[in-house]
Amino acid sequence: MNIINSTLPVRMQILEKRAYNRYVLLLNTKKLETKSLIELEVGEEYLAEVYEDKGVISFKNLLKKPKIRLFEEGTELIEKLLQEGDEKAWYKKFIIQRLMESKSAYEFEIYKEMFFAFFEGIYHIPFVYEGNRALFEAKKNGNILEVYLYFEIFGALKIIIDNGKIIRIQTPFAKVAHFLNEYFKFEVVNTLNPMFVFKRLMDIKG
């Protein structure tokens, strides 16, 4: 196992729960049965670090993969936001215009999520990175800018920026932190969830 494969988290899907803490999972194309000390959701995908000790393989630091819509225009939108900022409030006008012009239910749902996130003070933009779905989120609080990123290759990253300077980056994966620590100061956290989850709004009862 080379340094990249042993360092980066692996993706798995939970296929079945067989007992109190035993699950069947799909890793690449192979089905495995394992036990977990935490409750896992059948049908969901997770990222996890792989460790091997005396021939026994274990998965640690499981992170549930967020549901991300396919949005190929996201990269261009993120670049514009980072280059121009949003002092003229063009972002909100853009989303409203696209909502009205949506040509499909899927496209409408993408902009609807972005619209609701914006009203929580969050720029929420799915995009495509190396052929995989990814997610960009940003929220400003005074001089502090928090950026959440999700990539298939590294999982979730949270970047804390103070007055334009990166002060720390958070990841739930110790191996990712160690691998990238040469470039930035990383902080390992227990979990790292997106700032905005659309289903929260659907749970509100009036």
Protein backbone atom coordinates (compact mmCIF):
# COMPACT_ATOMS: atom_id res chain seq x y z
CA MET A 1 0.00 0.00 0.00
CA ASN A 2 1.63 3.27 -1.11
CA ILE A 3 1.73 6.51 0.86
CA ILE A 4 -1.26 8.02 -0.96
CA ASN A 5 -3.53 5.02 -0.55
CA SER A 6 -2.55 4.49 3.08
CA THR A 7 -2.98 8.17 3.92
CA LEU A 8 -6.19 9.18 2.21
CA PRO A 9 -9.56 8.10 3.61
CA VAL A 10 -11.49 5.39 1.79
CA ARG A 11 -15.14 5.51 0.77
CA MET A 12 -17.59 2.80 1.77
CA GLN A 13 -21.32 2.22 1.62
CA ILE A 14 -23.29 0.57 4.42
CA LEU A 15 -25.37 -2.20 2.85
CA GLU A 16 -26.91 -3.99 5.82
CA LYS A 17 -27.09 -4.14 9.61
CA ARG A 18 -26.96 -7.73 10.86
CA ALA A 19 -26.70 -7.43 14.62
CA TYR A 20 -26.32 -4.86 17.38
CA ASN A 21 -23.00 -3.58 16.10
CA ARG A 22 -22.26 -5.62 12.98
CA TYR A 23 -22.62 -4.26 9.46
CA VAL A 24 -22.10 -5.36 5.87
CA LEU A 25 -20.33 -2.70 3.84
CA LEU A 26 -19.22 -2.26 0.26
CA LEU A 27 -15.59 -1.20 -0.12
CA ASN A 28 -14.81 -0.59 -3.79
CA THR A 29 -16.44 -3.72 -5.26
CA LYS A 30 -15.89 -6.00 -2.26
CA LYS A 31 -18.41 -6.77 0.48
CA LEU A 32 -17.04 -6.92 4.02
CA GLU A 33 -18.63 -7.61 7.39
CA THR A 34 -17.35 -5.57 10.30
CA LYS A 35 -18.42 -4.19 13.64
CA SER A 36 -18.81 -0.56 14.63
CA LEU A 37 -18.96 1.09 18.02
CA ILE A 38 -21.10 3.87 16.56
CA GLU A 39 -24.51 3.61 14.90
CA LEU A 40 -24.26 3.64 11.11
CA GLU A 41 -27.06 4.40 8.65
CA VAL A 42 -27.86 1.69 6.11
CA GLY A 43 -27.68 2.98 2.54
CA GLU A 44 -25.43 5.92 3.41
CA GLU A 45 -21.81 6.41 2.33
CA TYR A 46 -18.97 7.13 4.75
CA LEU A 47 -15.31 8.05 4.56
CA ALA A 48 -12.93 6.39 7.00
CA GLU A 49 -9.24 5.97 7.73
CA VAL A 50 -7.77 2.50 7.29
CA TYR A 51 -5.39 1.07 9.89
CA GLU A 52 -3.66 -2.30 9.93
CA ASP A 53 -2.28 -4.01 13.03
CA LYS A 54 -0.84 -7.53 12.84
CA GLY A 55 -2.84 -8.29 9.73
CA VAL A 56 -6.11 -7.00 11.17
CA ILE A 57 -7.64 -4.12 9.20
CA SER A 58 -9.77 -1.58 11.05
CA PHE A 59 -11.66 1.54 10.00
CA LYS A 60 -11.51 4.62 12.21
CA ASN A 61 -12.87 8.17 12.27
CA LEU A 62 -15.91 7.48 10.10
CA LEU A 63 -17.41 10.58 8.49
CA LYS A 64 -20.82 10.45 6.83
CA LYS A 65 -20.67 11.74 3.29
CA PRO A 66 -22.90 14.80 2.79
CA LYS A 67 -25.51 14.68 0.05
CA ILE A 68 -24.17 16.88 -2.74
CA ARG A 69 -26.00 17.69 -5.96
CA LEU A 70 -24.19 17.65 -9.30
CA PHE A 71 -23.60 21.28 -10.29
CA GLU A 72 -21.02 21.80 -13.02
CA GLU A 73 -21.38 25.60 -12.98
CA GLY A 74 -20.28 25.74 -9.34
CA THR A 75 -16.55 26.22 -9.94
CA GLU A 76 -17.09 29.33 -12.06
CA LEU A 77 -19.47 30.75 -9.45
CA ILE A 78 -16.99 30.13 -6.61
CA GLU A 79 -14.18 31.78 -8.56
CA LYS A 80 -16.31 34.88 -9.15
CA LEU A 81 -17.27 35.05 -5.47
CA LEU A 82 -13.64 34.78 -4.35
CA GLN A 83 -12.38 37.32 -6.89
CA GLU A 84 -15.14 39.94 -6.66
CA GLY A 85 -16.67 39.39 -3.23
CA ASP A 86 -20.37 40.15 -2.79
CA GLU A 87 -20.50 43.79 -1.72
CA LYS A 88 -22.92 44.59 -4.55
CA ALA A 89 -25.20 41.66 -3.57
CA TRP A 90 -24.95 40.11 -7.03
CA TYR A 91 -25.00 36.57 -5.60
CA LYS A 92 -28.56 36.79 -4.23
CA LYS A 93 -29.84 38.37 -7.46
CA PHE A 94 -28.11 35.64 -9.47
CA ILE A 95 -29.74 32.83 -7.47
CA ILE A 96 -33.23 34.37 -7.65
CA GLN A 97 -32.88 34.85 -11.40
CA ARG A 98 -31.76 31.24 -11.88
CA LEU A 99 -34.61 29.98 -9.70
CA MET A 100 -37.10 31.71 -11.99
CA GLU A 101 -35.35 30.44 -15.13
CA SER A 102 -34.81 26.83 -13.99
CA LYS A 103 -35.45 24.37 -16.80
CA SER A 104 -35.79 21.26 -14.63
CA ALA A 105 -36.84 20.24 -11.12
CA TYR A 106 -33.25 19.16 -10.40
CA GLU A 107 -31.82 22.55 -11.35
CA PHE A 108 -34.52 24.26 -9.28
CA GLU A 109 -33.57 22.19 -6.21
CA ILE A 110 -29.91 23.20 -6.56
CA TYR A 111 -30.68 26.91 -6.51
CA LYS A 112 -33.32 26.46 -3.81
CA GLU A 113 -30.72 24.97 -1.47
CA MET A 114 -28.34 27.80 -2.27
CA PHE A 115 -31.13 30.33 -1.65
CA PHE A 116 -32.10 28.97 1.77
CA ALA A 117 -28.45 28.68 2.81
CA PHE A 118 -27.88 32.32 1.87
CA PHE A 119 -30.61 33.39 4.30
CA GLU A 120 -28.65 31.64 7.04
CA GLY A 121 -25.64 33.75 6.06
CA ILE A 122 -23.95 30.88 4.23
CA TYR A 123 -22.65 30.74 0.66
CA HIS A 124 -23.42 27.13 -0.25
CA ILE A 125 -22.17 26.05 -3.68
CA PRO A 126 -21.78 22.47 -4.92
CA PHE A 127 -19.20 21.98 -7.67
CA VAL A 128 -17.28 19.31 -9.55
CA TYR A 129 -13.63 18.49 -8.79
CA GLU A 130 -11.76 15.91 -10.88
CA GLY A 131 -15.04 14.39 -11.99
CA ASN A 132 -16.44 14.04 -8.46
CA ARG A 133 -19.07 16.02 -6.58
CA ALA A 134 -17.63 18.52 -4.12
CA LEU A 135 -18.96 21.27 -1.87
CA PHE A 136 -17.90 24.82 -1.00
CA GLU A 137 -19.42 26.77 1.89
CA ALA A 138 -18.37 30.11 3.36
CA LYS A 139 -19.62 32.20 6.27
CA LYS A 140 -18.25 35.55 7.48
CA ASN A 141 -18.37 36.75 11.08
CA GLY A 142 -16.59 40.06 11.51
CA ASN A 143 -12.99 39.62 10.42
CA ILE A 144 -13.29 35.83 10.58
CA LEU A 145 -14.14 33.86 7.45
CA GLU A 146 -14.97 30.16 7.80
CA VAL A 147 -14.75 28.01 4.68
CA TYR A 148 -16.01 24.42 4.54
CA LEU A 149 -14.84 22.19 1.70
CA TYR A 150 -15.71 18.60 0.90
CA PHE A 151 -13.65 16.58 -1.57
CA GLU A 152 -13.84 12.86 -2.34
CA ILE A 153 -10.07 12.64 -1.94
CA PHE A 154 -9.59 14.37 1.45
CA GLY A 155 -13.11 14.38 2.89
CA ALA A 156 -14.15 17.48 4.82
CA LEU A 157 -11.86 20.44 5.51
CA LYS A 158 -12.67 23.63 7.41
CA ILE A 159 -10.46 26.66 6.85
CA ILE A 160 -10.43 29.51 9.37
CA ILE A 161 -9.27 32.84 7.90
CA ASP A 162 -8.61 35.96 9.99
CA ASN A 163 -8.11 39.24 8.10
CA GLY A 164 -7.18 37.37 4.94
CA LYS A 165 -4.69 35.03 6.66
CA ILE A 166 -5.26 31.31 7.16
CA ILE A 167 -4.86 30.63 10.88
CA ARG A 168 -5.83 26.95 10.95
CA ILE A 169 -7.41 24.13 8.98
CA GLN A 170 -9.55 21.44 10.56
CA THR A 171 -10.01 17.84 9.44
CA PRO A 172 -11.53 14.77 11.11
CA PHE A 173 -8.75 12.58 9.68
CA ALA A 174 -5.44 12.37 11.54
CA LYS A 175 -3.61 10.91 8.54
CA VAL A 176 -4.74 13.73 6.26
CA ALA A 177 -3.57 16.26 8.85
CA HIS A 178 -0.17 14.57 9.10
CA PHE A 179 0.18 14.28 5.32
CA LEU A 180 -0.63 17.97 4.67
CA ASN A 181 0.92 19.43 7.82
CA GLU A 182 4.00 20.37 5.80
CA TYR A 183 1.95 23.04 4.05
CA PHE A 184 -0.53 24.24 6.67
CA LYS A 185 -1.20 23.97 10.38
CA PHE A 186 -3.90 21.35 10.80
CA GLU A 187 -6.19 20.67 13.73
CA VAL A 188 -7.85 17.26 14.08
CA VAL A 189 -11.49 17.41 15.24
CA ASN A 190 -13.91 14.61 16.12
CA THR A 191 -16.36 15.42 13.34
CA LEU A 192 -16.84 18.03 10.65
CA ASN A 193 -20.28 18.60 9.18
CA PRO A 194 -21.45 21.05 6.51
CA MET A 195 -22.61 24.44 7.78
CA PHE A 196 -25.92 24.06 5.95
CA VAL A 197 -28.06 20.92 5.64
CA PHE A 198 -31.24 21.47 3.65
CA LYS A 199 -33.29 18.74 5.36
CA ARG A 200 -33.22 20.79 8.59
CA LEU A 201 -35.73 23.12 7.00
CA MET A 202 -38.06 20.26 6.16
CA ASP A 203 -38.21 19.27 9.83
CA ILE A 204 -39.75 22.61 10.84
CA LYS A 205 -43.44 22.25 11.59
CA GLY A 206 -45.67 25.32 11.51
